[in-house]
Amino acid sequence: MALIKCKECGKEFSDTADACPNCGYRSIVPENRRKSKVVAGLLCLFFCWFGAHEFYLGNVKKAVLWIVAAVLLNIALFLTPALSAAFLILPIMGVLTLLPLICAIKLFVISQDKFDAKYNTPDSPVSRIGCVLGAIFGILGIVFFIGMLAAISLPQYFKAIEKARTSELLTFMSDIAASQQRYYSNTGHYAALFDQLDLGLADENDNSVGPVSTIEDYGFIISLQGVGKDAYIEASRNGGKFQYAIRKYYSSGEVQCLSDQKYSVCESLKFINK
């Protein structure tokens, strides 16, 4: 048994007493209000981004900050593919994983005396258990809403990007077709190799394209097909979400977009010929 000083009146009294006999100040929190560091640690480990552990410990402002951070990180995670910044995924996932673990470990290893002195005194804030559940369901709703928006908008975004990429490709294919027409007027047939054209084509290292019939550019594999009147240039998408090919005939100028996908980027291109 030891004597402790009352925070209210300054008188000493036994540490086993529930309250100061002089002024009635309670030195021990009632059992139904005592917080457990194990419970706090588990809430932090599994529901950290809902602010659950801070609501449990009575720190409402800190809990709200956790929720705001969770929403911002989820938005960043959903936007990462759209921003073509996949290198952001690992740092974001690292933050989402490591911070709850670090905070939970701090709660688990803190001594019981220090925990009680900070969270189990009469002056400590009361647990907001109802807020814990409210935060969990609230942030789940926000994440679900963001996911729904992403599911609706991202496919359209990717199609728009693909359409812009294809527009650049079509300009290049038109230059090839015009050069082929000039070559045909001089030789009576179309060129089978890129170095036969008068465009001075160069690769990504600024080296002249050699005697090849296939090159890679604009994210497509571009090849010259045939030398007769039905010859054409074809560009097949090299990787990416959409798989399709664009074909341009030299003699007629007809452009076709070919795809086996049910929902293809071809559907959004105005030059489709079926």
C-alpha atoms as a PDB file:
ATOM      1  CA  MET A   1       0.000   0.000   0.000  1.00  0.00           C
ATOM      2  CA  ALA A   2       1.276   3.461  -0.837  1.00  0.00           C
ATOM      3  CA  LEU A   3       0.134   7.024  -0.502  1.00  0.00           C
ATOM      4  CA  ILE A   4      -0.683   9.133  -3.534  1.00  0.00           C
ATOM      5  CA  LYS A   5      -1.401  12.853  -3.797  1.00  0.00           C
ATOM      6  CA  CYS A   6      -4.887  13.921  -4.788  1.00  0.00           C
ATOM      7  CA  LYS A   7      -4.919  15.921  -8.034  1.00  0.00           C
ATOM      8  CA  GLU A   8      -7.822  17.994  -6.771  1.00  0.00           C
ATOM      9  CA  CYS A   9      -6.937  19.030  -3.225  1.00  0.00           C
ATOM     10  CA  GLY A  10      -3.319  17.926  -2.851  1.00  0.00           C
ATOM     11  CA  LYS A  11      -3.972  15.737   0.199  1.00  0.00           C
ATOM     12  CA  GLU A  12      -2.384  12.291   0.400  1.00  0.00           C
ATOM     13  CA  PHE A  13      -4.475   9.132   0.605  1.00  0.00           C
ATOM     14  CA  SER A  14      -4.130   5.401   0.022  1.00  0.00           C
ATOM     15  CA  ASP A  15      -3.691   4.210  -3.557  1.00  0.00           C
ATOM     16  CA  THR A  16      -6.258   1.481  -2.882  1.00  0.00           C
ATOM     17  CA  ALA A  17      -9.043   3.975  -2.204  1.00  0.00           C
ATOM     18  CA  ASP A  18     -11.598   4.642  -4.949  1.00  0.00           C
ATOM     19  CA  ALA A  19     -11.763   8.346  -4.113  1.00  0.00           C
ATOM     20  CA  CYS A  20      -9.994  10.995  -2.052  1.00  0.00           C
ATOM     21  CA  PRO A  21     -11.605  10.978   1.461  1.00  0.00           C
ATOM     22  CA  ASN A  22     -10.984  14.704   1.756  1.00  0.00           C
ATOM     23  CA  CYS A  23     -12.628  16.059  -1.442  1.00  0.00           C
ATOM     24  CA  GLY A  24     -14.174  13.003  -3.096  1.00  0.00           C
ATOM     25  CA  TYR A  25     -11.969  13.161  -6.199  1.00  0.00           C
ATOM     26  CA  ARG A  26     -11.989   9.715  -7.794  1.00  0.00           C
ATOM     27  CA  SER A  27      -8.507   8.388  -8.499  1.00  0.00           C
ATOM     28  CA  ILE A  28      -9.657   5.120 -10.060  1.00  0.00           C
ATOM     29  CA  VAL A  29     -11.839   4.924 -13.134  1.00  0.00           C
ATOM     30  CA  PRO A  30     -14.894   2.658 -12.711  1.00  0.00           C
ATOM     31  CA  GLU A  31     -14.407  -0.773 -14.240  1.00  0.00           C
ATOM     32  CA  ASN A  32     -17.043  -0.182 -16.914  1.00  0.00           C
ATOM     33  CA  ARG A  33     -15.114   2.872 -18.152  1.00  0.00           C
ATOM     34  CA  ARG A  34     -11.622   1.373 -18.110  1.00  0.00           C
ATOM     35  CA  LYS A  35      -9.988   1.004 -21.516  1.00  0.00           C
ATOM     36  CA  SER A  36      -7.914  -2.017 -22.509  1.00  0.00           C
ATOM     37  CA  LYS A  37      -4.653  -1.557 -24.380  1.00  0.00           C
ATOM     38  CA  VAL A  38      -5.175  -4.978 -26.004  1.00  0.00           C
ATOM     39  CA  VAL A  39      -8.555  -3.928 -27.373  1.00  0.00           C
ATOM     40  CA  ALA A  40      -7.084  -0.618 -28.544  1.00  0.00           C
ATOM     41  CA  GLY A  41      -4.200  -2.435 -30.227  1.00  0.00           C
ATOM     42  CA  LEU A  42      -6.505  -4.864 -32.032  1.00  0.00           C
ATOM     43  CA  LEU A  43      -8.771  -2.068 -33.206  1.00  0.00           C
ATOM     44  CA  CYS A  44      -5.709  -0.241 -34.501  1.00  0.00           C
ATOM     45  CA  LEU A  45      -4.378  -3.327 -36.270  1.00  0.00           C
ATOM     46  CA  PHE A  46      -7.599  -4.173 -38.100  1.00  0.00           C
ATOM     47  CA  PHE A  47      -9.577  -0.913 -38.213  1.00  0.00           C
ATOM     48  CA  CYS A  48      -6.885   1.744 -38.000  1.00  0.00           C
ATOM     49  CA  TRP A  49      -8.044   3.605 -41.128  1.00  0.00           C
ATOM     50  CA  PHE A  50     -11.537   3.885 -39.664  1.00  0.00           C
ATOM     51  CA  GLY A  51     -10.096   5.705 -36.640  1.00  0.00           C
ATOM     52  CA  ALA A  52     -11.551   2.910 -34.506  1.00  0.00           C
ATOM     53  CA  HIS A  53      -8.731   2.814 -31.928  1.00  0.00           C
ATOM     54  CA  GLU A  54      -8.817   6.591 -31.470  1.00  0.00           C
ATOM     55  CA  PHE A  55     -12.598   6.584 -31.036  1.00  0.00           C
ATOM     56  CA  TYR A  56     -12.168   3.817 -28.457  1.00  0.00           C
ATOM     57  CA  LEU A  57      -9.525   5.847 -26.611  1.00  0.00           C
ATOM     58  CA  GLY A  58     -11.733   8.946 -26.799  1.00  0.00           C
ATOM     59  CA  ASN A  59      -9.559  10.931 -29.224  1.00  0.00           C
ATOM     60  CA  VAL A  60     -12.253  12.029 -31.660  1.00  0.00           C
ATOM     61  CA  LYS A  61     -10.128  14.604 -33.516  1.00  0.00           C
ATOM     62  CA  LYS A  62      -7.361  12.095 -34.179  1.00  0.00           C
ATOM     63  CA  ALA A  63      -9.941   9.566 -35.321  1.00  0.00           C
ATOM     64  CA  VAL A  64     -11.338  12.022 -37.857  1.00  0.00           C
ATOM     65  CA  LEU A  65      -7.803  12.654 -39.161  1.00  0.00           C
ATOM     66  CA  TRP A  66      -7.331   8.899 -39.707  1.00  0.00           C
ATOM     67  CA  ILE A  67     -10.590   8.757 -41.667  1.00  0.00           C
ATOM     68  CA  VAL A  68      -9.657  11.749 -43.832  1.00  0.00           C
ATOM     69  CA  ALA A  69      -6.252  10.180 -44.530  1.00  0.00           C
ATOM     70  CA  ALA A  70      -7.931   6.894 -45.445  1.00  0.00           C
ATOM     71  CA  VAL A  71     -10.280   8.582 -47.908  1.00  0.00           C
ATOM     72  CA  LEU A  72      -7.426  10.520 -49.557  1.00  0.00           C
ATOM     73  CA  LEU A  73      -5.270   7.398 -49.867  1.00  0.00           C
ATOM     74  CA  ASN A  74      -8.147   5.443 -51.398  1.00  0.00           C
ATOM     75  CA  ILE A  75      -8.763   8.211 -53.928  1.00  0.00           C
ATOM     76  CA  ALA A  76      -5.048   8.204 -54.801  1.00  0.00           C
ATOM     77  CA  LEU A  77      -5.127   4.424 -55.158  1.00  0.00           C
ATOM     78  CA  PHE A  78      -8.124   4.514 -57.510  1.00  0.00           C
ATOM     79  CA  LEU A  79      -6.619   7.325 -59.589  1.00  0.00           C
ATOM     80  CA  THR A  80      -3.166   5.754 -59.909  1.00  0.00           C
ATOM     81  CA  PRO A  81      -3.980   3.690 -63.053  1.00  0.00           C
ATOM     82  CA  ALA A  82      -5.759   6.661 -64.624  1.00  0.00           C
ATOM     83  CA  LEU A  83      -2.765   8.886 -64.017  1.00  0.00           C
ATOM     84  CA  SER A  84      -0.444   6.278 -65.554  1.00  0.00           C
ATOM     85  CA  ALA A  85       1.564   6.441 -62.334  1.00  0.00           C
ATOM     86  CA  ALA A  86       1.797   2.820 -61.294  1.00  0.00           C
ATOM     87  CA  PHE A  87       4.957   3.595 -59.316  1.00  0.00           C
ATOM     88  CA  LEU A  88       2.682   5.255 -56.729  1.00  0.00           C
ATOM     89  CA  ILE A  89       0.927   1.983 -55.887  1.00  0.00           C
ATOM     90  CA  LEU A  90       3.748   0.507 -53.791  1.00  0.00           C
ATOM     91  CA  PRO A  91       4.246   3.600 -51.561  1.00  0.00           C
ATOM     92  CA  ILE A  92       0.489   3.913 -51.033  1.00  0.00           C
ATOM     93  CA  MET A  93       0.110   0.220 -50.204  1.00  0.00           C
ATOM     94  CA  GLY A  94       3.123   0.485 -47.895  1.00  0.00           C
ATOM     95  CA  VAL A  95       1.502   3.330 -45.975  1.00  0.00           C
ATOM     96  CA  LEU A  96      -1.825   1.479 -45.816  1.00  0.00           C
ATOM     97  CA  THR A  97      -0.090  -1.607 -44.391  1.00  0.00           C
ATOM     98  CA  LEU A  98       2.758  -0.345 -42.222  1.00  0.00           C
ATOM     99  CA  LEU A  99       1.122   2.544 -40.340  1.00  0.00           C
ATOM    100  CA  PRO A 100      -1.593   0.399 -38.679  1.00  0.00           C
ATOM    101  CA  LEU A 101       1.040  -2.189 -37.753  1.00  0.00           C
ATOM    102  CA  ILE A 102       3.383   0.410 -36.198  1.00  0.00           C
ATOM    103  CA  CYS A 103       0.563   2.077 -34.247  1.00  0.00           C
ATOM    104  CA  ALA A 104      -0.743  -1.286 -32.994  1.00  0.00           C
ATOM    105  CA  ILE A 105       2.722  -2.366 -31.827  1.00  0.00           C
ATOM    106  CA  LYS A 106       3.113   0.894 -29.878  1.00  0.00           C
ATOM    107  CA  LEU A 107      -0.154   0.192 -28.072  1.00  0.00           C
ATOM    108  CA  PHE A 108       0.772  -3.431 -27.361  1.00  0.00           C
ATOM    109  CA  VAL A 109       4.230  -2.683 -25.924  1.00  0.00           C
ATOM    110  CA  ILE A 110       3.346   0.350 -23.780  1.00  0.00           C
ATOM    111  CA  SER A 111       3.389  -0.489 -20.082  1.00  0.00           C
ATOM    112  CA  GLN A 112       0.048  -0.838 -18.330  1.00  0.00           C
ATOM    113  CA  ASP A 113       0.940   1.943 -15.903  1.00  0.00           C
ATOM    114  CA  LYS A 114       1.693   4.414 -18.692  1.00  0.00           C
ATOM    115  CA  PHE A 115      -1.437   3.356 -20.567  1.00  0.00           C
ATOM    116  CA  ASP A 116      -3.589   3.825 -17.464  1.00  0.00           C
ATOM    117  CA  ALA A 117      -1.990   7.186 -16.705  1.00  0.00           C
ATOM    118  CA  LYS A 118      -2.832   8.393 -20.189  1.00  0.00           C
ATOM    119  CA  TYR A 119      -6.203   6.797 -20.885  1.00  0.00           C
ATOM    120  CA  ASN A 120      -7.651   5.472 -17.601  1.00  0.00           C
ATOM    121  CA  THR A 121      -7.802   8.516 -15.351  1.00  0.00           C
ATOM    122  CA  PRO A 122     -10.952  10.392 -14.386  1.00  0.00           C
ATOM    123  CA  ASP A 123      -9.827  13.193 -16.691  1.00  0.00           C
ATOM    124  CA  SER A 124      -9.383  10.886 -19.680  1.00  0.00           C
ATOM    125  CA  PRO A 125     -11.962  11.202 -22.486  1.00  0.00           C
ATOM    126  CA  VAL A 126     -14.759   8.664 -22.599  1.00  0.00           C
ATOM    127  CA  SER A 127     -14.695   5.957 -25.271  1.00  0.00           C
ATOM    128  CA  ARG A 128     -16.885   6.595 -28.297  1.00  0.00           C
ATOM    129  CA  ILE A 129     -17.859   3.015 -29.121  1.00  0.00           C
ATOM    130  CA  GLY A 130     -20.807   4.099 -31.257  1.00  0.00           C
ATOM    131  CA  CYS A 131     -18.482   6.293 -33.291  1.00  0.00           C
ATOM    132  CA  VAL A 132     -16.321   3.244 -34.015  1.00  0.00           C
ATOM    133  CA  LEU A 133     -19.182   1.482 -35.787  1.00  0.00           C
ATOM    134  CA  GLY A 134     -20.304   4.700 -37.446  1.00  0.00           C
ATOM    135  CA  ALA A 135     -16.804   5.327 -38.787  1.00  0.00           C
ATOM    136  CA  ILE A 136     -16.469   1.780 -40.106  1.00  0.00           C
ATOM    137  CA  PHE A 137     -19.754   1.847 -42.002  1.00  0.00           C
ATOM    138  CA  GLY A 138     -19.257   5.455 -43.090  1.00  0.00           C
ATOM    139  CA  ILE A 139     -15.827   4.961 -44.637  1.00  0.00           C
ATOM    140  CA  LEU A 140     -16.909   1.685 -46.226  1.00  0.00           C
ATOM    141  CA  GLY A 141     -19.725   3.626 -47.872  1.00  0.00           C
ATOM    142  CA  ILE A 142     -17.293   6.280 -49.099  1.00  0.00           C
ATOM    143  CA  VAL A 143     -14.901   3.677 -50.498  1.00  0.00           C
ATOM    144  CA  PHE A 144     -17.803   1.872 -52.178  1.00  0.00           C
ATOM    145  CA  PHE A 145     -18.977   5.157 -53.718  1.00  0.00           C
ATOM    146  CA  ILE A 146     -15.478   5.950 -54.999  1.00  0.00           C
ATOM    147  CA  GLY A 147     -15.231   2.428 -56.406  1.00  0.00           C
ATOM    148  CA  MET A 148     -18.522   2.831 -58.230  1.00  0.00           C
ATOM    149  CA  LEU A 149     -17.384   6.138 -59.751  1.00  0.00           C
ATOM    150  CA  ALA A 150     -14.105   4.567 -60.804  1.00  0.00           C
ATOM    151  CA  ALA A 151     -15.877   1.582 -62.348  1.00  0.00           C
ATOM    152  CA  ILE A 152     -18.063   3.924 -64.402  1.00  0.00           C
ATOM    153  CA  SER A 153     -15.535   6.589 -65.392  1.00  0.00           C
ATOM    154  CA  LEU A 154     -12.247   4.725 -65.844  1.00  0.00           C
ATOM    155  CA  PRO A 155     -13.338   2.607 -68.849  1.00  0.00           C
ATOM    156  CA  GLN A 156     -14.457   5.773 -70.648  1.00  0.00           C
ATOM    157  CA  TYR A 157     -11.208   7.464 -69.697  1.00  0.00           C
ATOM    158  CA  PHE A 158      -9.125   4.597 -71.083  1.00  0.00           C
ATOM    159  CA  LYS A 159     -11.158   4.613 -74.299  1.00  0.00           C
ATOM    160  CA  ALA A 160     -10.572   8.336 -74.713  1.00  0.00           C
ATOM    161  CA  ILE A 161      -6.815   7.860 -74.229  1.00  0.00           C
ATOM    162  CA  GLU A 162      -6.824   4.995 -76.700  1.00  0.00           C
ATOM    163  CA  LYS A 163      -8.758   7.063 -79.212  1.00  0.00           C
ATOM    164  CA  ALA A 164      -6.191   9.874 -78.953  1.00  0.00           C
ATOM    165  CA  ARG A 165      -3.371   7.371 -79.466  1.00  0.00           C
ATOM    166  CA  THR A 166      -5.153   5.987 -82.522  1.00  0.00           C
ATOM    167  CA  SER A 167      -5.602   9.456 -84.028  1.00  0.00           C
ATOM    168  CA  GLU A 168      -1.830   9.954 -83.986  1.00  0.00           C
ATOM    169  CA  LEU A 169      -1.379   6.539 -85.550  1.00  0.00           C
ATOM    170  CA  LEU A 170      -3.834   7.337 -88.360  1.00  0.00           C
ATOM    171  CA  THR A 171      -1.844  10.423 -89.313  1.00  0.00           C
ATOM    172  CA  PHE A 172       1.265   8.254 -89.578  1.00  0.00           C
ATOM    173  CA  MET A 173      -0.600   5.622 -91.612  1.00  0.00           C
ATOM    174  CA  SER A 174      -1.880   8.312 -93.981  1.00  0.00           C
ATOM    175  CA  ASP A 175       1.716   9.459 -94.567  1.00  0.00           C
ATOM    176  CA  ILE A 176       2.686   5.863 -95.333  1.00  0.00           C
ATOM    177  CA  ALA A 177      -0.232   5.475 -97.747  1.00  0.00           C
ATOM    178  CA  ALA A 178       0.674   8.715 -99.564  1.00  0.00           C
ATOM    179  CA  SER A 179       4.280   7.567 -99.889  1.00  0.00           C
ATOM    180  CA  GLN A 180       3.099   4.201-101.190  1.00  0.00           C
ATOM    181  CA  GLN A 181       1.034   5.932-103.862  1.00  0.00           C
ATOM    182  CA  ARG A 182       4.132   7.817-105.030  1.00  0.00           C
ATOM    183  CA  TYR A 183       6.140   4.600-105.024  1.00  0.00           C
ATOM    184  CA  TYR A 184       3.403   2.823-107.007  1.00  0.00           C
ATOM    185  CA  SER A 185       3.302   5.547-109.666  1.00  0.00           C
ATOM    186  CA  ASN A 186       7.040   5.038-110.247  1.00  0.00           C
ATOM    187  CA  THR A 187       7.268   1.233-110.059  1.00  0.00           C
ATOM    188  CA  GLY A 188       3.788  -0.157-110.731  1.00  0.00           C
ATOM    189  CA  HIS A 189       3.621  -1.897-107.363  1.00  0.00           C
ATOM    190  CA  TYR A 190       3.677  -0.979-103.690  1.00  0.00           C
ATOM    191  CA  ALA A 191       6.762  -1.139-101.481  1.00  0.00           C
ATOM    192  CA  ALA A 192       7.236  -4.209 -99.321  1.00  0.00           C
ATOM    193  CA  LEU A 193       9.896  -2.663 -97.071  1.00  0.00           C
ATOM    194  CA  PHE A 194       9.906   0.581 -95.083  1.00  0.00           C
ATOM    195  CA  ASP A 195      13.309   1.760 -96.339  1.00  0.00           C
ATOM    196  CA  GLN A 196      11.884   1.882 -99.893  1.00  0.00           C
ATOM    197  CA  LEU A 197       9.572   4.734 -98.923  1.00  0.00           C
ATOM    198  CA  ASP A 198      10.587   8.388 -99.230  1.00  0.00           C
ATOM    199  CA  LEU A 199       9.698   9.326 -95.666  1.00  0.00           C
ATOM    200  CA  GLY A 200      13.131   8.961 -94.071  1.00  0.00           C
ATOM    201  CA  LEU A 201      11.723   6.910 -91.190  1.00  0.00           C
ATOM    202  CA  ALA A 202      13.862   6.541 -88.061  1.00  0.00           C
ATOM    203  CA  ASP A 203      13.619   4.364 -84.965  1.00  0.00           C
ATOM    204  CA  GLU A 204      13.540   5.555 -81.349  1.00  0.00           C
ATOM    205  CA  ASN A 205      17.341   5.986 -81.441  1.00  0.00           C
ATOM    206  CA  ASP A 206      17.146   8.209 -84.558  1.00  0.00           C
ATOM    207  CA  ASN A 207      18.662   5.512 -86.714  1.00  0.00           C
ATOM    208  CA  SER A 208      17.237   5.050 -90.208  1.00  0.00           C
ATOM    209  CA  VAL A 209      14.782   2.188 -90.497  1.00  0.00           C
ATOM    210  CA  GLY A 210      16.392  -0.685 -92.391  1.00  0.00           C
ATOM    211  CA  PRO A 211      14.941  -3.085 -94.976  1.00  0.00           C
ATOM    212  CA  VAL A 212      12.126  -4.391 -92.756  1.00  0.00           C
ATOM    213  CA  SER A 213       8.424  -4.824 -93.327  1.00  0.00           C
ATOM    214  CA  THR A 214       7.471  -4.466 -89.651  1.00  0.00           C
ATOM    215  CA  ILE A 215       8.237  -1.761 -87.109  1.00  0.00           C
ATOM    216  CA  GLU A 216       6.972  -0.826 -83.636  1.00  0.00           C
ATOM    217  CA  ASP A 217       5.727   2.690 -82.933  1.00  0.00           C
ATOM    218  CA  TYR A 218       2.871   4.501 -81.135  1.00  0.00           C
ATOM    219  CA  GLY A 219       2.361   1.324 -79.077  1.00  0.00           C
ATOM    220  CA  PHE A 220       1.477  -0.655 -82.223  1.00  0.00           C
ATOM    221  CA  ILE A 221       3.187  -3.273 -84.382  1.00  0.00           C
ATOM    222  CA  ILE A 222       2.999  -1.726 -87.858  1.00  0.00           C
ATOM    223  CA  SER A 223       3.508  -3.870 -90.943  1.00  0.00           C
ATOM    224  CA  LEU A 224       3.308  -3.536 -94.733  1.00  0.00           C
ATOM    225  CA  GLN A 225       1.060  -6.194 -96.265  1.00  0.00           C
ATOM    226  CA  GLY A 226       1.261  -7.071 -99.972  1.00  0.00           C
ATOM    227  CA  VAL A 227       2.475  -5.165-103.032  1.00  0.00           C
ATOM    228  CA  GLY A 228      -0.499  -5.455-105.399  1.00  0.00           C
ATOM    229  CA  LYS A 229      -3.680  -3.368-105.706  1.00  0.00           C
ATOM    230  CA  ASP A 230      -5.128  -4.914-102.558  1.00  0.00           C
ATOM    231  CA  ALA A 231      -2.031  -4.063-100.450  1.00  0.00           C
ATOM    232  CA  TYR A 232      -2.482  -2.289 -97.127  1.00  0.00           C
ATOM    233  CA  ILE A 233      -0.696  -1.214 -93.972  1.00  0.00           C
ATOM    234  CA  GLU A 234      -1.826  -2.771 -90.687  1.00  0.00           C
ATOM    235  CA  ALA A 235      -1.180  -1.665 -87.121  1.00  0.00           C
ATOM    236  CA  SER A 236      -1.867  -4.145 -84.321  1.00  0.00           C
ATOM    237  CA  ARG A 237      -2.104  -2.896 -80.746  1.00  0.00           C
ATOM    238  CA  ASN A 238       0.978  -4.017 -78.854  1.00  0.00           C
ATOM    239  CA  GLY A 239      -0.255  -4.751 -75.320  1.00  0.00           C
ATOM    240  CA  GLY A 240      -2.625  -2.537 -73.347  1.00  0.00           C
ATOM    241  CA  LYS A 241      -6.197  -3.028 -72.193  1.00  0.00           C
ATOM    242  CA  PHE A 242      -7.655  -3.147 -75.721  1.00  0.00           C
ATOM    243  CA  GLN A 243      -6.655  -5.616 -78.397  1.00  0.00           C
ATOM    244  CA  TYR A 244      -7.418  -4.524 -81.949  1.00  0.00           C
ATOM    245  CA  ALA A 245      -5.857  -3.781 -85.317  1.00  0.00           C
ATOM    246  CA  ILE A 246      -6.281  -0.913 -87.767  1.00  0.00           C
ATOM    247  CA  ARG A 247      -5.931  -1.541 -91.479  1.00  0.00           C
ATOM    248  CA  LYS A 248      -5.626   1.063 -94.242  1.00  0.00           C
ATOM    249  CA  TYR A 249      -5.769   0.086 -97.912  1.00  0.00           C
ATOM    250  CA  TYR A 250      -3.556   2.109-100.269  1.00  0.00           C
ATOM    251  CA  SER A 251      -5.678   2.079-103.413  1.00  0.00           C
ATOM    252  CA  SER A 252      -9.113   2.789-101.910  1.00  0.00           C
ATOM    253  CA  GLY A 253      -8.043   4.641 -98.766  1.00  0.00           C
ATOM    254  CA  GLU A 254     -10.493   2.498 -96.783  1.00  0.00           C
ATOM    255  CA  VAL A 255      -9.772   2.188 -93.069  1.00  0.00           C
ATOM    256  CA  GLN A 256     -10.919  -0.753 -90.969  1.00  0.00           C
ATOM    257  CA  CYS A 257     -10.773  -1.405 -87.254  1.00  0.00           C
ATOM    258  CA  LEU A 258     -10.671  -5.104 -86.421  1.00  0.00           C
ATOM    259  CA  SER A 259     -11.220  -6.651 -83.005  1.00  0.00           C
ATOM    260  CA  ASP A 260     -12.471  -9.887 -81.452  1.00  0.00           C
ATOM    261  CA  GLN A 261     -13.341  -8.170 -78.156  1.00  0.00           C
ATOM    262  CA  LYS A 262     -17.015  -7.736 -77.346  1.00  0.00           C
ATOM    263  CA  TYR A 263     -16.452  -4.213 -76.038  1.00  0.00           C
ATOM    264  CA  SER A 264     -13.683  -2.815 -78.179  1.00  0.00           C
ATOM    265  CA  VAL A 265     -12.246   0.629 -78.696  1.00  0.00           C
ATOM    266  CA  CYS A 266     -13.375   0.164 -82.302  1.00  0.00           C
ATOM    267  CA  GLU A 267     -16.909   0.999 -81.161  1.00  0.00           C
ATOM    268  CA  SER A 268     -15.841   4.550 -80.317  1.00  0.00           C
ATOM    269  CA  LEU A 269     -13.864   5.178 -83.517  1.00  0.00           C
ATOM    270  CA  LYS A 270     -15.838   6.935 -86.256  1.00  0.00           C
ATOM    271  CA  PHE A 271     -13.887   5.473 -89.143  1.00  0.00           C
ATOM    272  CA  ILE A 272     -14.990   1.871 -88.542  1.00  0.00           C
ATOM    273  CA  ASN A 273     -15.977   0.009 -91.702  1.00  0.00           C
ATOM    274  CA  LYS A 274     -17.797  -3.252 -91.062  1.00  0.00           C
END
